[in-house]
């Protein structure tokens, strides 16, 4: 498995790296730490460019070394990628060059929304990158995700699609899933639940419900094309995280 960890050298992204290592503690994996650094290539700054480049590479390699020491799995390999491209272009290039299967990114708390990679940039990655992504909240330590909640908008994901989705799911296969149907106005659905998975009655997705979810479950699982739920969870201006912190990881699944 090839894994991309986005880092801006903050405590939140460092924590996401540790979470990634723990999440895949039983799997062989190649980890790639990607840092985006906007170097000044103007001739007037040429004297400082080499120093800045060497310093950033050293910082990136030190962080990779820390994760290598932190890991308990000898089949974990840690590598670095330094890019001066914009975030989305750099991630897309890494997906192709390194054949990435899974991305980890730190999810900012309320006071970190202006951070270079966190906040709205994490939201950008979720919306624009078609790869499985786990957003790890600041300060969130890994615990085996025994209870996973799957908010479902039936207008986006039919029962048949849900069934096919669970048949091929390879991540979180030891977790107990609860499907949480999100009510869209007064829409009624004729299909009945038949997946032999706990299915809660349709409810509106509110901040109070989100608080309850974080108390009851270990991880939130979202189907990637369910953009309305991604918006509510991860958009740092209009979503829940605009005025309340996310405390459990969010797994955005693209297949």
C-alpha atoms as a PDB file:
ATOM      1  CA  UNK A   1       0.000   0.000   0.000  1.00  0.00           C
ATOM      2  CA  UNK A   2       1.192   3.508  -0.856  1.00  0.00           C
ATOM      3  CA  UNK A   3       0.161   6.298   1.510  1.00  0.00           C
ATOM      4  CA  UNK A   4       0.456  10.075   1.205  1.00  0.00           C
ATOM      5  CA  UNK A   5       0.713  12.225   4.341  1.00  0.00           C
ATOM      6  CA  UNK A   6       0.324  15.976   3.810  1.00  0.00           C
ATOM      7  CA  UNK A   7       2.511  17.972   6.165  1.00  0.00           C
ATOM      8  CA  UNK A   8       3.099  21.652   6.843  1.00  0.00           C
ATOM      9  CA  UNK A   9       5.342  20.873   9.852  1.00  0.00           C
ATOM     10  CA  UNK A  10       2.555  21.808  12.278  1.00  0.00           C
ATOM     11  CA  UNK A  11       1.599  19.750  15.327  1.00  0.00           C
ATOM     12  CA  UNK A  12      -1.689  18.884  13.634  1.00  0.00           C
ATOM     13  CA  UNK A  13      -0.056  17.427  10.532  1.00  0.00           C
ATOM     14  CA  UNK A  14       2.557  15.652  12.675  1.00  0.00           C
ATOM     15  CA  UNK A  15      -0.310  14.095  14.606  1.00  0.00           C
ATOM     16  CA  UNK A  16      -1.945  13.011  11.322  1.00  0.00           C
ATOM     17  CA  UNK A  17       1.294  11.223  10.416  1.00  0.00           C
ATOM     18  CA  UNK A  18       1.290   9.306  13.693  1.00  0.00           C
ATOM     19  CA  UNK A  19      -2.368   8.432  13.220  1.00  0.00           C
ATOM     20  CA  UNK A  20      -1.589   7.112   9.713  1.00  0.00           C
ATOM     21  CA  UNK A  21       1.204   4.944  11.083  1.00  0.00           C
ATOM     22  CA  UNK A  22      -1.053   3.535  13.801  1.00  0.00           C
ATOM     23  CA  UNK A  23      -4.022   3.084  11.455  1.00  0.00           C
ATOM     24  CA  UNK A  24      -1.859   0.873   9.210  1.00  0.00           C
ATOM     25  CA  UNK A  25       0.177  -0.708  11.984  1.00  0.00           C
ATOM     26  CA  UNK A  26      -0.623  -4.233  10.723  1.00  0.00           C
ATOM     27  CA  UNK A  27      -0.117  -3.495   7.010  1.00  0.00           C
ATOM     28  CA  UNK A  28       2.981  -3.158   4.880  1.00  0.00           C
ATOM     29  CA  UNK A  29       3.053   0.412   3.565  1.00  0.00           C
ATOM     30  CA  UNK A  30       5.182   2.974   1.798  1.00  0.00           C
ATOM     31  CA  UNK A  31       4.531   6.389   3.353  1.00  0.00           C
ATOM     32  CA  UNK A  32       5.279   9.591   1.452  1.00  0.00           C
ATOM     33  CA  UNK A  33       5.420  12.861   3.397  1.00  0.00           C
ATOM     34  CA  UNK A  34       4.486  15.704   1.045  1.00  0.00           C
ATOM     35  CA  UNK A  35       5.355  19.302   1.901  1.00  0.00           C
ATOM     36  CA  UNK A  36       4.361  22.250  -0.256  1.00  0.00           C
ATOM     37  CA  UNK A  37       6.819  25.132  -0.012  1.00  0.00           C
ATOM     38  CA  UNK A  38       6.564  28.294  -2.085  1.00  0.00           C
ATOM     39  CA  UNK A  39      10.173  29.185  -2.824  1.00  0.00           C
ATOM     40  CA  UNK A  40      11.170  32.607  -4.142  1.00  0.00           C
ATOM     41  CA  UNK A  41      12.898  31.935  -7.460  1.00  0.00           C
ATOM     42  CA  UNK A  42      13.562  35.602  -8.222  1.00  0.00           C
ATOM     43  CA  UNK A  43      17.179  36.384  -9.002  1.00  0.00           C
ATOM     44  CA  UNK A  44      17.268  38.868  -6.129  1.00  0.00           C
ATOM     45  CA  UNK A  45      16.553  36.022  -3.701  1.00  0.00           C
ATOM     46  CA  UNK A  46      18.990  33.524  -5.210  1.00  0.00           C
ATOM     47  CA  UNK A  47      21.439  33.811  -2.313  1.00  0.00           C
ATOM     48  CA  UNK A  48      18.783  32.652   0.143  1.00  0.00           C
ATOM     49  CA  UNK A  49      17.157  30.033  -2.076  1.00  0.00           C
ATOM     50  CA  UNK A  50      19.710  27.256  -1.525  1.00  0.00           C
ATOM     51  CA  UNK A  51      19.661  27.761   2.259  1.00  0.00           C
ATOM     52  CA  UNK A  52      15.872  27.703   2.310  1.00  0.00           C
ATOM     53  CA  UNK A  53      15.745  24.593   0.120  1.00  0.00           C
ATOM     54  CA  UNK A  54      18.265  22.689   2.247  1.00  0.00           C
ATOM     55  CA  UNK A  55      16.534  23.721   5.479  1.00  0.00           C
ATOM     56  CA  UNK A  56      13.095  22.611   4.242  1.00  0.00           C
ATOM     57  CA  UNK A  57      14.420  19.279   2.984  1.00  0.00           C
ATOM     58  CA  UNK A  58      16.150  18.664   6.314  1.00  0.00           C
ATOM     59  CA  UNK A  59      12.940  19.433   8.218  1.00  0.00           C
ATOM     60  CA  UNK A  60      11.002  17.042   5.985  1.00  0.00           C
ATOM     61  CA  UNK A  61      13.591  14.286   6.413  1.00  0.00           C
ATOM     62  CA  UNK A  62      13.651  14.779  10.192  1.00  0.00           C
ATOM     63  CA  UNK A  63       9.869  14.347  10.339  1.00  0.00           C
ATOM     64  CA  UNK A  64      10.091  11.195   8.212  1.00  0.00           C
ATOM     65  CA  UNK A  65      12.754   9.891  10.580  1.00  0.00           C
ATOM     66  CA  UNK A  66      10.518  10.572  13.593  1.00  0.00           C
ATOM     67  CA  UNK A  67       7.702   8.547  12.055  1.00  0.00           C
ATOM     68  CA  UNK A  68      10.113   5.762  11.162  1.00  0.00           C
ATOM     69  CA  UNK A  69      11.205   5.593  14.798  1.00  0.00           C
ATOM     70  CA  UNK A  70       7.574   5.832  15.970  1.00  0.00           C
ATOM     71  CA  UNK A  71       6.385   2.941  13.783  1.00  0.00           C
ATOM     72  CA  UNK A  72       6.332  -0.589  15.223  1.00  0.00           C
ATOM     73  CA  UNK A  73       6.025  -2.240  11.810  1.00  0.00           C
ATOM     74  CA  UNK A  74       9.277  -3.154  10.052  1.00  0.00           C
ATOM     75  CA  UNK A  75       7.379  -3.197   6.737  1.00  0.00           C
ATOM     76  CA  UNK A  76       6.749   0.539   6.965  1.00  0.00           C
ATOM     77  CA  UNK A  77       8.966   2.662   4.711  1.00  0.00           C
ATOM     78  CA  UNK A  78       9.064   6.462   4.951  1.00  0.00           C
ATOM     79  CA  UNK A  79       9.923   8.765   2.054  1.00  0.00           C
ATOM     80  CA  UNK A  80       9.704  12.512   1.362  1.00  0.00           C
ATOM     81  CA  UNK A  81       8.341  14.701  -1.415  1.00  0.00           C
ATOM     82  CA  UNK A  82       9.059  18.434  -1.556  1.00  0.00           C
ATOM     83  CA  UNK A  83       7.070  20.454  -4.081  1.00  0.00           C
ATOM     84  CA  UNK A  84       6.705  24.115  -5.032  1.00  0.00           C
ATOM     85  CA  UNK A  85       3.487  23.504  -7.000  1.00  0.00           C
ATOM     86  CA  UNK A  86       0.068  24.395  -5.671  1.00  0.00           C
ATOM     87  CA  UNK A  87      -1.437  21.853  -3.292  1.00  0.00           C
ATOM     88  CA  UNK A  88      -3.913  20.183  -5.648  1.00  0.00           C
ATOM     89  CA  UNK A  89      -1.391  19.869  -8.507  1.00  0.00           C
ATOM     90  CA  UNK A  90       1.254  18.454  -6.153  1.00  0.00           C
ATOM     91  CA  UNK A  91      -1.165  15.889  -4.695  1.00  0.00           C
ATOM     92  CA  UNK A  92      -2.393  14.809  -8.132  1.00  0.00           C
ATOM     93  CA  UNK A  93       1.204  14.375  -9.312  1.00  0.00           C
ATOM     94  CA  UNK A  94       2.029  12.263  -6.249  1.00  0.00           C
ATOM     95  CA  UNK A  95      -1.072  10.106  -6.837  1.00  0.00           C
ATOM     96  CA  UNK A  96       0.213   9.184 -10.278  1.00  0.00           C
ATOM     97  CA  UNK A  97       3.955   9.013  -9.593  1.00  0.00           C
ATOM     98  CA  UNK A  98       3.667   7.023  -6.342  1.00  0.00           C
ATOM     99  CA  UNK A  99       0.444   5.136  -7.108  1.00  0.00           C
ATOM    100  CA  UNK A 100      -1.159   6.408  -3.873  1.00  0.00           C
ATOM    101  CA  UNK A 101      -3.982   4.372  -2.291  1.00  0.00           C
ATOM    102  CA  UNK A 102      -4.781   6.492   0.769  1.00  0.00           C
ATOM    103  CA  UNK A 103      -4.203  10.093   1.903  1.00  0.00           C
ATOM    104  CA  UNK A 104      -3.978  11.432   5.470  1.00  0.00           C
ATOM    105  CA  UNK A 105      -4.404  15.113   6.233  1.00  0.00           C
ATOM    106  CA  UNK A 106      -4.721  17.077   9.454  1.00  0.00           C
ATOM    107  CA  UNK A 107      -8.138  18.650  10.123  1.00  0.00           C
ATOM    108  CA  UNK A 108      -7.756  22.049  11.729  1.00  0.00           C
ATOM    109  CA  UNK A 109      -9.348  23.222  14.925  1.00  0.00           C
ATOM    110  CA  UNK A 110     -11.247  26.524  14.879  1.00  0.00           C
ATOM    111  CA  UNK A 111      -8.175  28.638  15.585  1.00  0.00           C
ATOM    112  CA  UNK A 112      -6.118  27.045  12.779  1.00  0.00           C
ATOM    113  CA  UNK A 113      -8.344  27.644   9.767  1.00  0.00           C
ATOM    114  CA  UNK A 114      -5.865  30.008   8.116  1.00  0.00           C
ATOM    115  CA  UNK A 115      -3.058  27.444   8.239  1.00  0.00           C
ATOM    116  CA  UNK A 116      -1.315  26.797   4.872  1.00  0.00           C
ATOM    117  CA  UNK A 117      -2.525  23.223   4.352  1.00  0.00           C
ATOM    118  CA  UNK A 118      -5.167  22.793   7.021  1.00  0.00           C
ATOM    119  CA  UNK A 119      -8.646  24.254   7.105  1.00  0.00           C
ATOM    120  CA  UNK A 120     -10.048  25.132   3.693  1.00  0.00           C
ATOM    121  CA  UNK A 121      -7.097  23.489   1.971  1.00  0.00           C
ATOM    122  CA  UNK A 122      -8.041  20.154   3.537  1.00  0.00           C
ATOM    123  CA  UNK A 123     -11.550  20.759   2.237  1.00  0.00           C
ATOM    124  CA  UNK A 124     -10.093  21.456  -1.228  1.00  0.00           C
ATOM    125  CA  UNK A 125      -8.271  18.121  -1.199  1.00  0.00           C
ATOM    126  CA  UNK A 126     -11.433  16.253  -0.199  1.00  0.00           C
ATOM    127  CA  UNK A 127     -13.477  17.932  -2.948  1.00  0.00           C
ATOM    128  CA  UNK A 128     -10.939  17.779  -5.797  1.00  0.00           C
ATOM    129  CA  UNK A 129      -8.860  14.642  -5.223  1.00  0.00           C
ATOM    130  CA  UNK A 130     -10.447  11.287  -6.122  1.00  0.00           C
ATOM    131  CA  UNK A 131      -8.615   9.148  -3.613  1.00  0.00           C
ATOM    132  CA  UNK A 132      -9.559   7.704  -0.236  1.00  0.00           C
ATOM    133  CA  UNK A 133      -8.806  10.373   2.371  1.00  0.00           C
ATOM    134  CA  UNK A 134      -8.755  10.385   6.159  1.00  0.00           C
ATOM    135  CA  UNK A 135      -8.965  13.793   7.837  1.00  0.00           C
ATOM    136  CA  UNK A 136      -7.468  13.573  11.334  1.00  0.00           C
ATOM    137  CA  UNK A 137      -8.482  16.237  13.880  1.00  0.00           C
ATOM    138  CA  UNK A 138      -5.855  18.087  15.880  1.00  0.00           C
ATOM    139  CA  UNK A 139      -5.016  16.171  19.048  1.00  0.00           C
ATOM    140  CA  UNK A 140      -6.861  13.014  17.965  1.00  0.00           C
ATOM    141  CA  UNK A 141      -4.940   9.892  19.008  1.00  0.00           C
ATOM    142  CA  UNK A 142      -5.516   6.538  17.335  1.00  0.00           C
ATOM    143  CA  UNK A 143      -7.933   4.062  18.819  1.00  0.00           C
ATOM    144  CA  UNK A 144      -9.162   0.989  17.003  1.00  0.00           C
ATOM    145  CA  UNK A 145     -12.316   2.308  15.268  1.00  0.00           C
ATOM    146  CA  UNK A 146     -14.777  -0.268  16.607  1.00  0.00           C
ATOM    147  CA  UNK A 147     -17.854   1.854  15.871  1.00  0.00           C
ATOM    148  CA  UNK A 148     -18.198   3.643  12.544  1.00  0.00           C
ATOM    149  CA  UNK A 149     -21.105   5.821  11.469  1.00  0.00           C
ATOM    150  CA  UNK A 150     -22.037   6.181   7.804  1.00  0.00           C
ATOM    151  CA  UNK A 151     -24.284   9.213   7.144  1.00  0.00           C
ATOM    152  CA  UNK A 152     -26.323   8.358   4.042  1.00  0.00           C
ATOM    153  CA  UNK A 153     -28.282  10.640   1.780  1.00  0.00           C
ATOM    154  CA  UNK A 154     -30.561   8.243  -0.115  1.00  0.00           C
ATOM    155  CA  UNK A 155     -31.004  10.771  -2.909  1.00  0.00           C
ATOM    156  CA  UNK A 156     -27.259  10.418  -3.550  1.00  0.00           C
ATOM    157  CA  UNK A 157     -26.639   6.779  -2.625  1.00  0.00           C
ATOM    158  CA  UNK A 158     -29.358   4.196  -3.275  1.00  0.00           C
ATOM    159  CA  UNK A 159     -29.765   1.016  -1.238  1.00  0.00           C
ATOM    160  CA  UNK A 160     -28.313  -1.035  -4.100  1.00  0.00           C
ATOM    161  CA  UNK A 161     -25.254   1.205  -4.253  1.00  0.00           C
ATOM    162  CA  UNK A 162     -24.841   0.902  -0.484  1.00  0.00           C
ATOM    163  CA  UNK A 163     -24.971  -2.877  -0.774  1.00  0.00           C
ATOM    164  CA  UNK A 164     -22.314  -2.938  -3.528  1.00  0.00           C
ATOM    165  CA  UNK A 165     -20.217  -0.511  -1.497  1.00  0.00           C
ATOM    166  CA  UNK A 166     -20.151  -2.746   1.601  1.00  0.00           C
ATOM    167  CA  UNK A 167     -19.428  -5.857  -0.465  1.00  0.00           C
ATOM    168  CA  UNK A 168     -16.124  -4.403  -1.717  1.00  0.00           C
ATOM    169  CA  UNK A 169     -15.105  -2.378   1.329  1.00  0.00           C
ATOM    170  CA  UNK A 170     -11.609  -3.310   2.480  1.00  0.00           C
ATOM    171  CA  UNK A 171     -10.989  -0.562   5.034  1.00  0.00           C
ATOM    172  CA  UNK A 172     -12.512  -0.725   8.510  1.00  0.00           C
ATOM    173  CA  UNK A 173     -13.617  -4.319   7.901  1.00  0.00           C
ATOM    174  CA  UNK A 174     -13.472  -5.031  11.635  1.00  0.00           C
ATOM    175  CA  UNK A 175     -15.651  -2.030  12.531  1.00  0.00           C
ATOM    176  CA  UNK A 176     -19.338  -2.134  13.361  1.00  0.00           C
ATOM    177  CA  UNK A 177     -21.133   0.201  10.964  1.00  0.00           C
ATOM    178  CA  UNK A 178     -24.291   2.140  11.665  1.00  0.00           C
ATOM    179  CA  UNK A 179     -26.035   3.722   8.699  1.00  0.00           C
ATOM    180  CA  UNK A 180     -27.490   7.102   9.556  1.00  0.00           C
ATOM    181  CA  UNK A 181     -30.007   8.249   6.976  1.00  0.00           C
ATOM    182  CA  UNK A 182     -29.943  11.993   6.499  1.00  0.00           C
ATOM    183  CA  UNK A 183     -33.378  13.427   5.883  1.00  0.00           C
ATOM    184  CA  UNK A 184     -33.732  15.788   2.938  1.00  0.00           C
ATOM    185  CA  UNK A 185     -36.814  17.867   3.680  1.00  0.00           C
ATOM    186  CA  UNK A 186     -39.969  15.755   3.532  1.00  0.00           C
ATOM    187  CA  UNK A 187     -38.658  13.243   0.995  1.00  0.00           C
ATOM    188  CA  UNK A 188     -39.857   9.673   1.553  1.00  0.00           C
ATOM    189  CA  UNK A 189     -38.017   6.641   0.197  1.00  0.00           C
ATOM    190  CA  UNK A 190     -39.769   3.477  -0.895  1.00  0.00           C
ATOM    191  CA  UNK A 191     -36.731   1.230  -0.433  1.00  0.00           C
ATOM    192  CA  UNK A 192     -36.399  -0.539   2.881  1.00  0.00           C
ATOM    193  CA  UNK A 193     -33.155  -1.273   4.691  1.00  0.00           C
ATOM    194  CA  UNK A 194     -31.986  -4.822   3.931  1.00  0.00           C
ATOM    195  CA  UNK A 195     -28.250  -4.787   4.559  1.00  0.00           C
ATOM    196  CA  UNK A 196     -28.426  -6.411   7.998  1.00  0.00           C
ATOM    197  CA  UNK A 197     -26.693  -3.291   9.305  1.00  0.00           C
ATOM    198  CA  UNK A 198     -28.167  -1.054  12.012  1.00  0.00           C
ATOM    199  CA  UNK A 199     -30.112   1.684  10.250  1.00  0.00           C
ATOM    200  CA  UNK A 200     -31.319   4.685  12.205  1.00  0.00           C
ATOM    201  CA  UNK A 201     -34.513   6.534  11.275  1.00  0.00           C
ATOM    202  CA  UNK A 202     -34.127   9.491   8.868  1.00  0.00           C
ATOM    203  CA  UNK A 203     -33.000  12.619  10.695  1.00  0.00           C
ATOM    204  CA  UNK A 204     -31.836  16.119   9.707  1.00  0.00           C
ATOM    205  CA  UNK A 205     -28.072  16.599   9.984  1.00  0.00           C
ATOM    206  CA  UNK A 206     -27.711  19.207  12.735  1.00  0.00           C
ATOM    207  CA  UNK A 207     -24.933  20.433  15.016  1.00  0.00           C
ATOM    208  CA  UNK A 208     -26.554  18.675  17.980  1.00  0.00           C
ATOM    209  CA  UNK A 209     -26.656  15.425  16.021  1.00  0.00           C
ATOM    210  CA  UNK A 210     -23.005  15.900  15.110  1.00  0.00           C
ATOM    211  CA  UNK A 211     -22.126  16.339  18.787  1.00  0.00           C
ATOM    212  CA  UNK A 212     -23.949  13.095  19.599  1.00  0.00           C
ATOM    213  CA  UNK A 213     -22.182  11.273  16.758  1.00  0.00           C
ATOM    214  CA  UNK A 214     -18.775  12.275  18.122  1.00  0.00           C
ATOM    215  CA  UNK A 215     -19.676  10.924  21.561  1.00  0.00           C
ATOM    216  CA  UNK A 216     -21.021   7.606  20.287  1.00  0.00           C
ATOM    217  CA  UNK A 217     -18.725   6.677  17.386  1.00  0.00           C
ATOM    218  CA  UNK A 218     -14.992   6.365  16.695  1.00  0.00           C
ATOM    219  CA  UNK A 219     -14.923   7.433  13.032  1.00  0.00           C
ATOM    220  CA  UNK A 220     -17.223   9.027  10.456  1.00  0.00           C
ATOM    221  CA  UNK A 221     -17.365   7.388   7.050  1.00  0.00           C
ATOM    222  CA  UNK A 222     -18.565   9.367   4.015  1.00  0.00           C
ATOM    223  CA  UNK A 223     -19.060   8.306   0.428  1.00  0.00           C
ATOM    224  CA  UNK A 224     -16.979  10.714  -1.671  1.00  0.00           C
ATOM    225  CA  UNK A 225     -19.741  11.809  -4.028  1.00  0.00           C
ATOM    226  CA  UNK A 226     -21.953  12.786  -1.092  1.00  0.00           C
ATOM    227  CA  UNK A 227     -20.706  16.352  -1.332  1.00  0.00           C
ATOM    228  CA  UNK A 228     -23.432  17.925   0.794  1.00  0.00           C
ATOM    229  CA  UNK A 229     -22.316  15.948   3.860  1.00  0.00           C
ATOM    230  CA  UNK A 230     -18.639  16.672   3.078  1.00  0.00           C
ATOM    231  CA  UNK A 231     -19.581  20.353   2.968  1.00  0.00           C
ATOM    232  CA  UNK A 232     -21.261  20.247   6.356  1.00  0.00           C
ATOM    233  CA  UNK A 233     -18.408  18.378   8.019  1.00  0.00           C
ATOM    234  CA  UNK A 234     -15.316  19.923   6.448  1.00  0.00           C
ATOM    235  CA  UNK A 235     -16.073  23.352   5.011  1.00  0.00           C
ATOM    236  CA  UNK A 236     -14.485  25.747   7.483  1.00  0.00           C
ATOM    237  CA  UNK A 237     -16.691  28.694   6.575  1.00  0.00           C
ATOM    238  CA  UNK A 238     -20.125  27.136   6.059  1.00  0.00           C
ATOM    239  CA  UNK A 239     -19.816  23.733   7.724  1.00  0.00           C
ATOM    240  CA  UNK A 240     -20.008  22.568  11.323  1.00  0.00           C
ATOM    241  CA  UNK A 241     -16.284  23.183  11.815  1.00  0.00           C
ATOM    242  CA  UNK A 242     -16.880  26.921  11.346  1.00  0.00           C
ATOM    243  CA  UNK A 243     -17.964  27.163  14.998  1.00  0.00           C
ATOM    244  CA  UNK A 244     -17.317  23.757  16.556  1.00  0.00           C
ATOM    245  CA  UNK A 245     -14.353  21.397  16.550  1.00  0.00           C
ATOM    246  CA  UNK A 246     -14.218  17.987  14.923  1.00  0.00           C
ATOM    247  CA  UNK A 247     -12.945  15.419  17.418  1.00  0.00           C
ATOM    248  CA  UNK A 248     -13.046  12.099  15.533  1.00  0.00           C
ATOM    249  CA  UNK A 249     -11.524  11.191  12.144  1.00  0.00           C
ATOM    250  CA  UNK A 250     -13.515  11.527   8.943  1.00  0.00           C
ATOM    251  CA  UNK A 251     -12.931   8.940   6.214  1.00  0.00           C
ATOM    252  CA  UNK A 252     -13.929  10.132   2.732  1.00  0.00           C
ATOM    253  CA  UNK A 253     -14.232   7.037   0.533  1.00  0.00           C
ATOM    254  CA  UNK A 254     -13.877   7.120  -3.250  1.00  0.00           C
ATOM    255  CA  UNK A 255     -13.585   3.368  -3.855  1.00  0.00           C
END
